[in-house]
Amino acid sequence: MPVVLALTGIPWRCLIETMTDVTSKVLHEKTGQLLDRARKGERFRVLRAGRTEAFLIPAQDAADPEWKELLADVWKAQKEPGP
């Protein structure tokens, strides 16, 4: 069974494949440059000792869906006639 992010429903591998790996040292040394690149839409996976520690994504990318998006199917089902 594939790993899926809890709220987004996006398979984990889909997020990782579109990210640039950076080490925590590079993040520390080039924070401003990485933030500028993230602002332009680039996504980063921050590694420490070869393991994923964090993600740096553009602010306009919603990390979690809005409540309206989460509840849309529930509201739709409530309006449909029951069995």
PDB file of N, CA and C in Angstrom:
ATOM      1  N   MET A   1       0.854  -1.187   0.000  1.00  0.00           N
ATOM      2  CA  MET A   1       0.000   0.000   0.000  1.00  0.00           C
ATOM      3  C   MET A   1       0.893   1.242   0.000  1.00  0.00           C
ATOM      4  N   PRO A   2       0.697   2.170  -0.953  1.00  0.00           N
ATOM      5  CA  PRO A   2       1.567   3.344  -1.022  1.00  0.00           C
ATOM      6  C   PRO A   2       1.326   4.309   0.136  1.00  0.00           C
ATOM      7  N   VAL A   3       2.378   4.999   0.523  1.00  0.00           N
ATOM      8  CA  VAL A   3       2.271   6.002   1.578  1.00  0.00           C
ATOM      9  C   VAL A   3       1.626   7.243   0.980  1.00  0.00           C
ATOM     10  N   VAL A   4       0.612   7.775   1.649  1.00  0.00           N
ATOM     11  CA  VAL A   4      -0.115   8.946   1.172  1.00  0.00           C
ATOM     12  C   VAL A   4      -0.141   9.972   2.286  1.00  0.00           C
ATOM     13  N   LEU A   5       0.062  11.251   1.937  1.00  0.00           N
ATOM     14  CA  LEU A   5      -0.016  12.303   2.945  1.00  0.00           C
ATOM     15  C   LEU A   5      -1.440  12.367   3.480  1.00  0.00           C
ATOM     16  N   ALA A   6      -1.562  12.474   4.772  1.00  0.00           N
ATOM     17  CA  ALA A   6      -2.839  12.337   5.452  1.00  0.00           C
ATOM     18  C   ALA A   6      -3.946  13.234   4.907  1.00  0.00           C
ATOM     19  N   LEU A   7      -3.723  14.524   4.812  1.00  0.00           N
ATOM     20  CA  LEU A   7      -4.806  15.421   4.424  1.00  0.00           C
ATOM     21  C   LEU A   7      -4.895  15.664   2.927  1.00  0.00           C
ATOM     22  N   THR A   8      -3.768  15.630   2.238  1.00  0.00           N
ATOM     23  CA  THR A   8      -3.788  15.974   0.823  1.00  0.00           C
ATOM     24  C   THR A   8      -4.156  14.817  -0.067  1.00  0.00           C
ATOM     25  N   GLY A   9      -3.872  13.584   0.375  1.00  0.00           N
ATOM     26  CA  GLY A   9      -4.157  12.433  -0.453  1.00  0.00           C
ATOM     27  C   GLY A   9      -3.184  12.279  -1.604  1.00  0.00           C
ATOM     28  N   ILE A  10      -2.073  12.991  -1.559  1.00  0.00           N
ATOM     29  CA  ILE A  10      -1.072  12.925  -2.620  1.00  0.00           C
ATOM     30  C   ILE A  10      -0.062  11.844  -2.269  1.00  0.00           C
ATOM     31  N   PRO A  11       0.191  10.919  -3.195  1.00  0.00           N
ATOM     32  CA  PRO A  11       1.208   9.902  -2.904  1.00  0.00           C
ATOM     33  C   PRO A  11       2.548  10.551  -2.576  1.00  0.00           C
ATOM     34  N   TRP A  12       3.202  10.028  -1.557  1.00  0.00           N
ATOM     35  CA  TRP A  12       4.462  10.572  -1.061  1.00  0.00           C
ATOM     36  C   TRP A  12       5.482  10.727  -2.171  1.00  0.00           C
ATOM     37  N   ARG A  13       5.610   9.720  -3.029  1.00  0.00           N
ATOM     38  CA  ARG A  13       6.631   9.763  -4.076  1.00  0.00           C
ATOM     39  C   ARG A  13       6.393  10.903  -5.058  1.00  0.00           C
ATOM     40  N   CYS A  14       5.163  11.324  -5.255  1.00  0.00           N
ATOM     41  CA  CYS A  14       4.876  12.427  -6.178  1.00  0.00           C
ATOM     42  C   CYS A  14       5.453  13.743  -5.661  1.00  0.00           C
ATOM     43  N   LEU A  15       5.427  13.939  -4.357  1.00  0.00           N
ATOM     44  CA  LEU A  15       5.992  15.151  -3.786  1.00  0.00           C
ATOM     45  C   LEU A  15       7.514  15.129  -3.839  1.00  0.00           C
ATOM     46  N   ILE A  16       8.105  13.981  -3.557  1.00  0.00           N
ATOM     47  CA  ILE A  16       9.555  13.865  -3.492  1.00  0.00           C
ATOM     48  C   ILE A  16      10.184  14.030  -4.868  1.00  0.00           C
ATOM     49  N   GLU A  17       9.587  13.449  -5.905  1.00  0.00           N
ATOM     50  CA  GLU A  17      10.170  13.488  -7.232  1.00  0.00           C
ATOM     51  C   GLU A  17      10.295  14.895  -7.789  1.00  0.00           C
ATOM     52  N   THR A  18       9.487  15.811  -7.318  1.00  0.00           N
ATOM     53  CA  THR A  18       9.513  17.166  -7.854  1.00  0.00           C
ATOM     54  C   THR A  18      10.309  18.122  -6.977  1.00  0.00           C
ATOM     55  N   MET A  19      11.097  17.590  -6.050  1.00  0.00           N
ATOM     56  CA  MET A  19      11.834  18.428  -5.115  1.00  0.00           C
ATOM     57  C   MET A  19      13.331  18.358  -5.364  1.00  0.00           C
ATOM     58  N   THR A  20      13.991  19.449  -5.004  1.00  0.00           N
ATOM     59  CA  THR A  20      15.442  19.512  -5.037  1.00  0.00           C
ATOM     60  C   THR A  20      15.957  19.199  -3.642  1.00  0.00           C
ATOM     61  N   ASP A  21      16.917  18.278  -3.545  1.00  0.00           N
ATOM     62  CA  ASP A  21      17.503  17.941  -2.251  1.00  0.00           C
ATOM     63  C   ASP A  21      18.558  18.967  -1.858  1.00  0.00           C
ATOM     64  N   VAL A  22      18.514  19.416  -0.614  1.00  0.00           N
ATOM     65  CA  VAL A  22      19.559  20.285  -0.053  1.00  0.00           C
ATOM     66  C   VAL A  22      19.887  19.767   1.341  1.00  0.00           C
ATOM     67  N   THR A  23      21.119  19.926   1.730  1.00  0.00           N
ATOM     68  CA  THR A  23      21.500  19.515   3.084  1.00  0.00           C
ATOM     69  C   THR A  23      21.168  20.633   4.066  1.00  0.00           C
ATOM     70  N   SER A  24      21.106  20.292   5.331  1.00  0.00           N
ATOM     71  CA  SER A  24      20.836  21.314   6.344  1.00  0.00           C
ATOM     72  C   SER A  24      21.949  22.358   6.362  1.00  0.00           C
ATOM     73  N   LYS A  25      23.178  21.934   6.039  1.00  0.00           N
ATOM     74  CA  LYS A  25      24.295  22.886   5.989  1.00  0.00           C
ATOM     75  C   LYS A  25      24.089  23.907   4.871  1.00  0.00           C
ATOM     76  N   VAL A  26      23.674  23.435   3.694  1.00  0.00           N
ATOM     77  CA  VAL A  26      23.411  24.349   2.580  1.00  0.00           C
ATOM     78  C   VAL A  26      22.252  25.282   2.924  1.00  0.00           C
ATOM     79  N   LEU A  27      21.232  24.750   3.562  1.00  0.00           N
ATOM     80  CA  LEU A  27      20.114  25.595   3.990  1.00  0.00           C
ATOM     81  C   LEU A  27      20.598  26.691   4.928  1.00  0.00           C
ATOM     82  N   HIS A  28      21.454  26.326   5.860  1.00  0.00           N
ATOM     83  CA  HIS A  28      21.995  27.295   6.805  1.00  0.00           C
ATOM     84  C   HIS A  28      22.821  28.367   6.087  1.00  0.00           C
ATOM     85  N   GLU A  29      23.652  27.942   5.153  1.00  0.00           N
ATOM     86  CA  GLU A  29      24.565  28.862   4.471  1.00  0.00           C
ATOM     87  C   GLU A  29      23.890  29.714   3.403  1.00  0.00           C
ATOM     88  N   LYS A  30      22.818  29.212   2.797  1.00  0.00           N
ATOM     89  CA  LYS A  30      22.202  29.901   1.654  1.00  0.00           C
ATOM     90  C   LYS A  30      20.699  30.083   1.826  1.00  0.00           C
ATOM     91  N   THR A  31      20.283  30.377   3.029  1.00  0.00           N
ATOM     92  CA  THR A  31      18.860  30.502   3.326  1.00  0.00           C
ATOM     93  C   THR A  31      18.167  31.495   2.399  1.00  0.00           C
ATOM     94  N   GLY A  32      18.734  32.663   2.250  1.00  0.00           N
ATOM     95  CA  GLY A  32      18.119  33.706   1.416  1.00  0.00           C
ATOM     96  C   GLY A  32      17.942  33.263  -0.024  1.00  0.00           C
ATOM     97  N   GLN A  33      18.963  32.632  -0.577  1.00  0.00           N
ATOM     98  CA  GLN A  33      18.890  32.169  -1.967  1.00  0.00           C
ATOM     99  C   GLN A  33      17.821  31.084  -2.132  1.00  0.00           C
ATOM    100  N   LEU A  34      17.778  30.166  -1.175  1.00  0.00           N
ATOM    101  CA  LEU A  34      16.776  29.104  -1.256  1.00  0.00           C
ATOM    102  C   LEU A  34      15.365  29.661  -1.093  1.00  0.00           C
ATOM    103  N   LEU A  35      15.191  30.647  -0.228  1.00  0.00           N
ATOM    104  CA  LEU A  35      13.873  31.268  -0.077  1.00  0.00           C
ATOM    105  C   LEU A  35      13.450  31.985  -1.354  1.00  0.00           C
ATOM    106  N   ASP A  36      14.406  32.642  -2.010  1.00  0.00           N
ATOM    107  CA  ASP A  36      14.102  33.301  -3.291  1.00  0.00           C
ATOM    108  C   ASP A  36      13.657  32.273  -4.333  1.00  0.00           C
ATOM    109  N   ARG A  37      14.350  31.149  -4.383  1.00  0.00           N
ATOM    110  CA  ARG A  37      13.997  30.092  -5.331  1.00  0.00           C
ATOM    111  C   ARG A  37      12.644  29.477  -4.981  1.00  0.00           C
ATOM    112  N   ALA A  38      12.374  29.306  -3.694  1.00  0.00           N
ATOM    113  CA  ALA A  38      11.077  28.768  -3.268  1.00  0.00           C
ATOM    114  C   ALA A  38       9.954  29.735  -3.640  1.00  0.00           C
ATOM    115  N   ARG A  39      10.204  31.017  -3.496  1.00  0.00           N
ATOM    116  CA  ARG A  39       9.208  32.025  -3.855  1.00  0.00           C
ATOM    117  C   ARG A  39       8.839  31.907  -5.333  1.00  0.00           C
ATOM    118  N   LYS A  40       9.800  31.483  -6.151  1.00  0.00           N
ATOM    119  CA  LYS A  40       9.568  31.327  -7.593  1.00  0.00           C
ATOM    120  C   LYS A  40       8.915  29.989  -7.929  1.00  0.00           C
ATOM    121  N   GLY A  41       8.685  29.153  -6.909  1.00  0.00           N
ATOM    122  CA  GLY A  41       7.959  27.908  -7.129  1.00  0.00           C
ATOM    123  C   GLY A  41       8.748  26.634  -6.930  1.00  0.00           C
ATOM    124  N   GLU A  42      10.047  26.729  -6.674  1.00  0.00           N
ATOM    125  CA  GLU A  42      10.846  25.527  -6.473  1.00  0.00           C
ATOM    126  C   GLU A  42      10.575  24.930  -5.094  1.00  0.00           C
ATOM    127  N   ARG A  43      10.643  23.618  -5.021  1.00  0.00           N
ATOM    128  CA  ARG A  43      10.374  22.913  -3.768  1.00  0.00           C
ATOM    129  C   ARG A  43      11.631  22.177  -3.351  1.00  0.00           C
ATOM    130  N   PHE A  44      11.902  22.129  -2.040  1.00  0.00           N
ATOM    131  CA  PHE A  44      13.126  21.527  -1.529  1.00  0.00           C
ATOM    132  C   PHE A  44      12.826  20.486  -0.459  1.00  0.00           C
ATOM    133  N   ARG A  45      13.673  19.460  -0.432  1.00  0.00           N
ATOM    134  CA  ARG A  45      13.667  18.472   0.640  1.00  0.00           C
ATOM    135  C   ARG A  45      14.971  18.677   1.392  1.00  0.00           C
ATOM    136  N   VAL A  46      14.902  18.975   2.674  1.00  0.00           N
ATOM    137  CA  VAL A  46      16.075  19.246   3.498  1.00  0.00           C
ATOM    138  C   VAL A  46      16.524  17.947   4.155  1.00  0.00           C
ATOM    139  N   LEU A  47      17.803  17.611   3.940  1.00  0.00           N
ATOM    140  CA  LEU A  47      18.363  16.366   4.452  1.00  0.00           C
ATOM    141  C   LEU A  47      19.373  16.644   5.554  1.00  0.00           C
ATOM    142  N   ARG A  48      19.364  15.787   6.567  1.00  0.00           N
ATOM    143  CA  ARG A  48      20.379  15.827   7.629  1.00  0.00           C
ATOM    144  C   ARG A  48      20.850  14.392   7.810  1.00  0.00           C
ATOM    145  N   ALA A  49      22.133  14.201   7.674  1.00  0.00           N
ATOM    146  CA  ALA A  49      22.721  12.857   7.759  1.00  0.00           C
ATOM    147  C   ALA A  49      22.053  11.906   6.764  1.00  0.00           C
ATOM    148  N   GLY A  50      21.687  12.445   5.591  1.00  0.00           N
ATOM    149  CA  GLY A  50      21.095  11.627   4.544  1.00  0.00           C
ATOM    150  C   GLY A  50      19.627  11.305   4.709  1.00  0.00           C
ATOM    151  N   ARG A  51      19.007  11.795   5.778  1.00  0.00           N
ATOM    152  CA  ARG A  51      17.589  11.526   6.032  1.00  0.00           C
ATOM    153  C   ARG A  51      16.771  12.806   5.903  1.00  0.00           C
ATOM    154  N   THR A  52      15.570  12.673   5.435  1.00  0.00           N
ATOM    155  CA  THR A  52      14.679  13.822   5.285  1.00  0.00           C
ATOM    156  C   THR A  52      14.329  14.398   6.643  1.00  0.00           C
ATOM    157  N   GLU A  53      14.569  15.695   6.800  1.00  0.00           N
ATOM    158  CA  GLU A  53      14.243  16.398   8.048  1.00  0.00           C
ATOM    159  C   GLU A  53      13.067  17.356   7.867  1.00  0.00           C
ATOM    160  N   ALA A  54      12.974  17.962   6.674  1.00  0.00           N
ATOM    161  CA  ALA A  54      11.939  18.973   6.476  1.00  0.00           C
ATOM    162  C   ALA A  54      11.717  19.204   4.989  1.00  0.00           C
ATOM    163  N   PHE A  55      10.645  19.939   4.695  1.00  0.00           N
ATOM    164  CA  PHE A  55      10.357  20.360   3.327  1.00  0.00           C
ATOM    165  C   PHE A  55      10.257  21.872   3.314  1.00  0.00           C
ATOM    166  N   LEU A  56      10.759  22.476   2.263  1.00  0.00           N
ATOM    167  CA  LEU A  56      10.639  23.914   2.055  1.00  0.00           C
ATOM    168  C   LEU A  56       9.850  24.074   0.769  1.00  0.00           C
ATOM    169  N   ILE A  57       8.630  24.590   0.892  1.00  0.00           N
ATOM    170  CA  ILE A  57       7.767  24.746  -0.273  1.00  0.00           C
ATOM    171  C   ILE A  57       7.314  26.196  -0.365  1.00  0.00           C
ATOM    172  N   PRO A  58       6.915  26.644  -1.569  1.00  0.00           N
ATOM    173  CA  PRO A  58       6.425  28.014  -1.712  1.00  0.00           C
ATOM    174  C   PRO A  58       5.204  28.261  -0.824  1.00  0.00           C
ATOM    175  N   ALA A  59       5.103  29.462  -0.308  1.00  0.00           N
ATOM    176  CA  ALA A  59       3.991  29.801   0.579  1.00  0.00           C
ATOM    177  C   ALA A  59       2.645  29.667  -0.123  1.00  0.00           C
ATOM    178  N   GLN A  60       2.608  29.912  -1.426  1.00  0.00           N
ATOM    179  CA  GLN A  60       1.330  29.817  -2.139  1.00  0.00           C
ATOM    180  C   GLN A  60       0.874  28.372  -2.306  1.00  0.00           C
ATOM    181  N   ASP A  61       1.785  27.396  -2.142  1.00  0.00           N
ATOM    182  CA  ASP A  61       1.387  25.985  -2.166  1.00  0.00           C
ATOM    183  C   ASP A  61       0.722  25.657  -0.844  1.00  0.00           C
ATOM    184  N   ALA A  62      -0.510  25.258  -0.911  1.00  0.00           N
ATOM    185  CA  ALA A  62      -1.218  24.909   0.318  1.00  0.00           C
ATOM    186  C   ALA A  62      -0.686  23.583   0.839  1.00  0.00           C
ATOM    187  N   ALA A  63      -0.140  23.588   2.027  1.00  0.00           N
ATOM    188  CA  ALA A  63       0.347  22.347   2.633  1.00  0.00           C
ATOM    189  C   ALA A  63      -0.834  21.464   3.014  1.00  0.00           C
ATOM    190  N   ASP A  64      -1.907  22.068   3.412  1.00  0.00           N
ATOM    191  CA  ASP A  64      -3.129  21.344   3.759  1.00  0.00           C
ATOM    192  C   ASP A  64      -4.286  22.006   3.019  1.00  0.00           C
ATOM    193  N   PRO A  65      -5.235  21.220   2.571  1.00  0.00           N
ATOM    194  CA  PRO A  65      -6.380  21.811   1.874  1.00  0.00           C
ATOM    195  C   PRO A  65      -7.247  22.647   2.818  1.00  0.00           C
ATOM    196  N   GLU A  66      -7.987  23.558   2.229  1.00  0.00           N
ATOM    197  CA  GLU A  66      -8.917  24.385   2.997  1.00  0.00           C
ATOM    198  C   GLU A  66     -10.070  23.515   3.494  1.00  0.00           C
ATOM    199  N   TRP A  67     -10.752  23.974   4.542  1.00  0.00           N
ATOM    200  CA  TRP A  67     -11.879  23.216   5.087  1.00  0.00           C
ATOM    201  C   TRP A  67     -12.954  23.004   4.036  1.00  0.00           C
ATOM    202  N   LYS A  68     -13.213  24.011   3.212  1.00  0.00           N
ATOM    203  CA  LYS A  68     -14.235  23.872   2.167  1.00  0.00           C
ATOM    204  C   LYS A  68     -13.899  22.710   1.244  1.00  0.00           C
ATOM    205  N   GLU A  69     -12.619  22.586   0.908  1.00  0.00           N
ATOM    206  CA  GLU A  69     -12.184  21.500   0.033  1.00  0.00           C
ATOM    207  C   GLU A  69     -12.331  20.145   0.724  1.00  0.00           C
ATOM    208  N   LEU A  70     -11.978  20.089   1.996  1.00  0.00           N
ATOM    209  CA  LEU A  70     -12.083  18.845   2.752  1.00  0.00           C
ATOM    210  C   LEU A  70     -13.530  18.384   2.901  1.00  0.00           C
ATOM    211  N   LEU A  71     -14.417  19.323   3.116  1.00  0.00           N
ATOM    212  CA  LEU A  71     -15.809  18.977   3.415  1.00  0.00           C
ATOM    213  C   LEU A  71     -16.728  18.974   2.197  1.00  0.00           C
ATOM    214  N   ALA A  72     -16.212  19.311   1.031  1.00  0.00           N
ATOM    215  CA  ALA A  72     -17.052  19.397  -0.172  1.00  0.00           C
ATOM    216  C   ALA A  72     -17.794  18.096  -0.438  1.00  0.00           C
ATOM    217  N   ASP A  73     -17.101  16.963  -0.369  1.00  0.00           N
ATOM    218  CA  ASP A  73     -17.763  15.681  -0.612  1.00  0.00           C
ATOM    219  C   ASP A  73     -18.793  15.355   0.467  1.00  0.00           C
ATOM    220  N   VAL A  74     -18.502  15.736   1.700  1.00  0.00           N
ATOM    221  CA  VAL A  74     -19.449  15.494   2.796  1.00  0.00           C
ATOM    222  C   VAL A  74     -20.714  16.290   2.553  1.00  0.00           C
ATOM    223  N   TRP A  75     -20.578  17.571   2.222  1.00  0.00           N
ATOM    224  CA  TRP A  75     -21.748  18.418   1.985  1.00  0.00           C
ATOM    225  C   TRP A  75     -22.549  17.916   0.788  1.00  0.00           C
ATOM    226  N   LYS A  76     -21.848  17.454  -0.237  1.00  0.00           N
ATOM    227  CA  LYS A  76     -22.523  16.924  -1.418  1.00  0.00           C
ATOM    228  C   LYS A  76     -23.330  15.686  -1.036  1.00  0.00           C
ATOM    229  N   ALA A  77     -22.733  14.790  -0.251  1.00  0.00           N
ATOM    230  CA  ALA A  77     -23.421  13.563   0.169  1.00  0.00           C
ATOM    231  C   ALA A  77     -24.634  13.873   1.045  1.00  0.00           C
ATOM    232  N   GLN A  78     -24.538  14.898   1.864  1.00  0.00           N
ATOM    233  CA  GLN A  78     -25.651  15.267   2.748  1.00  0.00           C
ATOM    234  C   GLN A  78     -26.849  15.759   1.936  1.00  0.00           C
ATOM    235  N   LYS A  79     -26.609  16.358   0.791  1.00  0.00           N
ATOM    236  CA  LYS A  79     -27.693  16.889  -0.044  1.00  0.00           C
ATOM    237  C   LYS A  79     -28.378  15.807  -0.871  1.00  0.00           C
ATOM    238  N   GLU A  80     -27.677  14.691  -1.111  1.00  0.00           N
ATOM    239  CA  GLU A  80     -28.255  13.607  -1.912  1.00  0.00           C
ATOM    240  C   GLU A  80     -29.248  12.811  -1.087  1.00  0.00           C
ATOM    241  N   PRO A  81     -30.282  12.283  -1.759  1.00  0.00           N
ATOM    242  CA  PRO A  81     -31.259  11.475  -1.016  1.00  0.00           C
ATOM    243  C   PRO A  81     -30.608  10.199  -0.489  1.00  0.00           C
ATOM    244  N   GLY A  82     -31.030   9.787   0.667  1.00  0.00           N
ATOM    245  CA  GLY A  82     -30.481   8.590   1.327  1.00  0.00           C
ATOM    246  C   GLY A  82     -30.947   7.303   0.665  1.00  0.00           C
ATOM    247  N   PRO A  83     -30.515   6.163   1.200  1.00  0.00           N
ATOM    248  CA  PRO A  83     -30.883   4.846   0.624  1.00  0.00           C
ATOM    249  C   PRO A  83     -32.328   4.498   0.747  1.00  0.00           C
TER     250      PRO A  83
END
